Amino acid sequence: MVHDKSVSEAAAELRQVWRAASGFLLSIELWLMVLVAASMVAGFWLAFMGEPSCLLAFGFALGYPALRVVLHLKGRLAWPFF
């Protein structure tokens, strides 16, 4: 079964998907999770290179759950990811 869509139909569908997902994509929590993932990758890379600064990256990544709890309690985060 083949569905042929025009460019305008595809653009309209893309706008609809963006509206549905924009609350999550623009949330603080998503960007905190992205920062933690980057911090973990950087921490492993720095540990592989023998740099003691890897502890700072790991500290940030491990401190994230505590920060998330505080932000949830203050009402800054609305997504209940646990």
N, C-alpha and C. Protein backbone atom coordinates (compact mmCIF):
# COMPACT_ATOMS: atom_id res chain seq x y z
N MET A 1 0.84 -1.16 0.00
CA MET A 1 0.00 0.00 0.00
C MET A 1 0.89 1.24 0.00
N VAL A 2 0.78 2.06 -1.00
CA VAL A 2 1.62 3.24 -1.16
C VAL A 2 0.78 4.48 -0.89
N HIS A 3 1.32 5.37 -0.04
CA HIS A 3 0.65 6.63 0.25
C HIS A 3 1.47 7.76 -0.35
N ASP A 4 0.92 8.39 -1.36
CA ASP A 4 1.59 9.54 -1.96
C ASP A 4 1.05 10.81 -1.32
N LYS A 5 1.97 11.63 -0.80
CA LYS A 5 1.56 12.89 -0.19
C LYS A 5 2.24 14.03 -0.91
N SER A 6 1.52 15.11 -0.99
CA SER A 6 2.13 16.30 -1.59
C SER A 6 3.02 16.96 -0.54
N VAL A 7 3.81 17.90 -0.98
CA VAL A 7 4.72 18.60 -0.08
C VAL A 7 3.92 19.37 0.96
N SER A 8 2.83 19.97 0.58
CA SER A 8 2.02 20.73 1.53
C SER A 8 1.39 19.82 2.59
N GLU A 9 0.94 18.63 2.18
CA GLU A 9 0.39 17.68 3.15
C GLU A 9 1.46 17.20 4.11
N ALA A 10 2.66 16.94 3.59
CA ALA A 10 3.76 16.51 4.45
C ALA A 10 4.15 17.62 5.42
N ALA A 11 4.16 18.86 4.95
CA ALA A 11 4.49 19.98 5.83
C ALA A 11 3.43 20.16 6.91
N ALA A 12 2.16 19.99 6.54
CA ALA A 12 1.09 20.10 7.53
C ALA A 12 1.20 19.01 8.58
N GLU A 13 1.53 17.82 8.16
CA GLU A 13 1.70 16.72 9.11
C GLU A 13 2.90 16.95 10.02
N LEU A 14 3.98 17.49 9.46
CA LEU A 14 5.17 17.81 10.24
C LEU A 14 4.85 18.88 11.29
N ARG A 15 4.08 19.90 10.92
CA ARG A 15 3.67 20.93 11.89
C ARG A 15 2.82 20.33 13.00
N GLN A 16 1.95 19.41 12.65
CA GLN A 16 1.09 18.77 13.65
C GLN A 16 1.93 17.94 14.63
N VAL A 17 2.90 17.21 14.13
CA VAL A 17 3.77 16.41 15.00
C VAL A 17 4.60 17.33 15.88
N TRP A 18 5.10 18.44 15.33
CA TRP A 18 5.90 19.39 16.12
C TRP A 18 5.06 19.97 17.25
N ARG A 19 3.79 20.35 16.95
CA ARG A 19 2.92 20.90 18.00
C ARG A 19 2.68 19.87 19.11
N ALA A 20 2.52 18.62 18.73
CA ALA A 20 2.26 17.58 19.72
C ALA A 20 3.49 17.31 20.58
N ALA A 21 4.68 17.41 19.99
CA ALA A 21 5.90 17.07 20.72
C ALA A 21 6.63 18.27 21.30
N SER A 22 6.21 19.48 20.97
CA SER A 22 6.98 20.66 21.38
C SER A 22 7.04 20.83 22.89
N GLY A 23 6.03 20.43 23.61
CA GLY A 23 6.07 20.53 25.07
C GLY A 23 7.21 19.72 25.66
N PHE A 24 7.45 18.56 25.11
CA PHE A 24 8.55 17.72 25.58
C PHE A 24 9.88 18.21 25.05
N LEU A 25 9.94 18.56 23.76
CA LEU A 25 11.21 18.94 23.15
C LEU A 25 11.75 20.25 23.71
N LEU A 26 10.89 21.11 24.19
CA LEU A 26 11.32 22.39 24.74
C LEU A 26 11.42 22.36 26.26
N SER A 27 11.25 21.19 26.87
CA SER A 27 11.26 21.11 28.33
C SER A 27 12.68 21.16 28.88
N ILE A 28 12.78 21.63 30.09
CA ILE A 28 14.08 21.68 30.78
C ILE A 28 14.61 20.28 30.99
N GLU A 29 13.71 19.37 31.31
CA GLU A 29 14.13 18.01 31.64
C GLU A 29 14.83 17.32 30.48
N LEU A 30 14.34 17.51 29.28
CA LEU A 30 14.99 16.89 28.13
C LEU A 30 16.42 17.39 28.00
N TRP A 31 16.61 18.69 28.13
CA TRP A 31 17.96 19.24 27.96
C TRP A 31 18.87 18.86 29.12
N LEU A 32 18.31 18.68 30.33
CA LEU A 32 19.12 18.17 31.43
C LEU A 32 19.56 16.73 31.14
N MET A 33 18.66 15.93 30.58
CA MET A 33 19.04 14.55 30.24
C MET A 33 20.11 14.53 29.16
N VAL A 34 20.02 15.44 28.19
CA VAL A 34 21.04 15.52 27.14
C VAL A 34 22.38 15.93 27.75
N LEU A 35 22.37 16.89 28.67
CA LEU A 35 23.61 17.30 29.34
C LEU A 35 24.22 16.16 30.16
N VAL A 36 23.39 15.39 30.83
CA VAL A 36 23.89 14.27 31.62
C VAL A 36 24.50 13.21 30.70
N ALA A 37 23.86 12.94 29.58
CA ALA A 37 24.41 11.97 28.64
C ALA A 37 25.76 12.44 28.10
N ALA A 38 25.85 13.72 27.75
CA ALA A 38 27.12 14.26 27.27
C ALA A 38 28.18 14.23 28.36
N SER A 39 27.76 14.48 29.58
CA SER A 39 28.70 14.45 30.71
C SER A 39 29.23 13.03 30.95
N MET A 40 28.36 12.06 30.82
CA MET A 40 28.81 10.67 31.00
C MET A 40 29.80 10.26 29.91
N VAL A 41 29.49 10.64 28.67
CA VAL A 41 30.40 10.32 27.57
C VAL A 41 31.74 11.02 27.78
N ALA A 42 31.69 12.30 28.16
CA ALA A 42 32.93 13.04 28.42
C ALA A 42 33.69 12.44 29.60
N GLY A 43 32.96 12.02 30.63
CA GLY A 43 33.60 11.41 31.78
C GLY A 43 34.31 10.11 31.42
N PHE A 44 33.67 9.28 30.65
CA PHE A 44 34.31 8.03 30.23
C PHE A 44 35.52 8.31 29.34
N TRP A 45 35.40 9.30 28.47
CA TRP A 45 36.52 9.63 27.59
C TRP A 45 37.70 10.17 28.41
N LEU A 46 37.40 11.05 29.35
CA LEU A 46 38.46 11.60 30.18
C LEU A 46 39.08 10.53 31.07
N ALA A 47 38.27 9.60 31.57
CA ALA A 47 38.81 8.50 32.36
C ALA A 47 39.70 7.61 31.51
N PHE A 48 39.30 7.37 30.28
CA PHE A 48 40.12 6.57 29.36
C PHE A 48 41.46 7.25 29.09
N MET A 49 41.44 8.59 29.05
CA MET A 49 42.67 9.35 28.81
C MET A 49 43.50 9.55 30.08
N GLY A 50 42.96 9.12 31.22
CA GLY A 50 43.69 9.23 32.47
C GLY A 50 43.62 10.61 33.12
N GLU A 51 42.62 11.39 32.77
CA GLU A 51 42.47 12.73 33.31
C GLU A 51 41.68 12.69 34.61
N PRO A 52 42.17 13.35 35.66
CA PRO A 52 41.40 13.38 36.90
C PRO A 52 40.14 14.24 36.80
N SER A 53 40.02 15.07 35.78
CA SER A 53 38.82 15.89 35.62
C SER A 53 37.59 15.05 35.25
N CYS A 54 37.80 13.77 35.00
CA CYS A 54 36.66 12.89 34.74
C CYS A 54 35.74 12.83 35.96
N LEU A 55 36.31 13.04 37.14
CA LEU A 55 35.50 13.01 38.36
C LEU A 55 34.48 14.15 38.36
N LEU A 56 34.83 15.28 37.80
CA LEU A 56 33.89 16.40 37.70
C LEU A 56 32.72 16.03 36.78
N ALA A 57 33.03 15.42 35.66
CA ALA A 57 31.96 15.01 34.73
C ALA A 57 31.07 13.95 35.35
N PHE A 58 31.68 12.98 36.03
CA PHE A 58 30.87 11.95 36.70
C PHE A 58 30.06 12.55 37.85
N GLY A 59 30.64 13.50 38.55
CA GLY A 59 29.92 14.16 39.64
C GLY A 59 28.68 14.88 39.15
N PHE A 60 28.80 15.55 38.00
CA PHE A 60 27.64 16.21 37.43
C PHE A 60 26.57 15.19 37.06
N ALA A 61 26.98 14.11 36.43
CA ALA A 61 26.02 13.09 35.99
C ALA A 61 25.36 12.40 37.18
N LEU A 62 26.09 12.19 38.24
CA LEU A 62 25.50 11.53 39.41
C LEU A 62 24.70 12.51 40.26
N GLY A 63 24.99 13.79 40.17
CA GLY A 63 24.23 14.79 40.91
C GLY A 63 22.92 15.15 40.23
N TYR A 64 22.75 14.72 39.02
CA TYR A 64 21.54 15.03 38.28
C TYR A 64 20.27 14.50 38.95
N PRO A 65 20.24 13.26 39.43
CA PRO A 65 18.99 12.80 40.08
C PRO A 65 18.59 13.68 41.26
N ALA A 66 19.56 14.13 42.06
CA ALA A 66 19.22 15.01 43.18
C ALA A 66 18.70 16.36 42.66
N LEU A 67 19.32 16.90 41.64
CA LEU A 67 18.86 18.15 41.06
C LEU A 67 17.45 18.00 40.50
N ARG A 68 17.17 16.89 39.87
CA ARG A 68 15.85 16.67 39.29
C ARG A 68 14.78 16.61 40.37
N VAL A 69 15.08 15.96 41.49
CA VAL A 69 14.12 15.90 42.59
C VAL A 69 13.83 17.31 43.11
N VAL A 70 14.88 18.11 43.28
CA VAL A 70 14.69 19.49 43.77
C VAL A 70 13.86 20.30 42.78
N LEU A 71 14.15 20.18 41.49
CA LEU A 71 13.39 20.93 40.49
C LEU A 71 11.93 20.47 40.42
N HIS A 72 11.69 19.18 40.64
CA HIS A 72 10.31 18.70 40.67
C HIS A 72 9.59 19.27 41.88
N LEU A 73 10.27 19.29 43.03
CA LEU A 73 9.63 19.81 44.24
C LEU A 73 9.34 21.30 44.13
N LYS A 74 10.19 22.04 43.45
CA LYS A 74 9.96 23.48 43.26
C LYS A 74 8.95 23.75 42.16
N GLY A 75 8.56 22.75 41.42
CA GLY A 75 7.57 22.91 40.36
C GLY A 75 8.15 23.39 39.05
N ARG A 76 9.45 23.34 38.88
CA ARG A 76 10.07 23.77 37.62
C ARG A 76 9.93 22.71 36.53
N LEU A 77 9.85 21.45 36.92
CA LEU A 77 9.71 20.36 35.96
C LEU A 77 8.33 19.76 36.07
N ALA A 78 7.73 19.48 34.94
CA ALA A 78 6.38 18.95 34.94
C ALA A 78 6.31 17.52 34.42
N TRP A 79 7.42 17.01 33.87
CA TRP A 79 7.39 15.66 33.31
C TRP A 79 7.75 14.67 34.39
N PRO A 80 6.87 13.74 34.69
CA PRO A 80 7.15 12.79 35.79
C PRO A 80 8.00 11.60 35.35
N PHE A 81 9.24 11.83 35.00
CA PHE A 81 10.14 10.73 34.64
C PHE A 81 10.81 10.23 35.91
N PHE A 82 10.54 9.00 36.27
CA PHE A 82 11.19 8.40 37.44
C PHE A 82 11.70 7.03 37.06
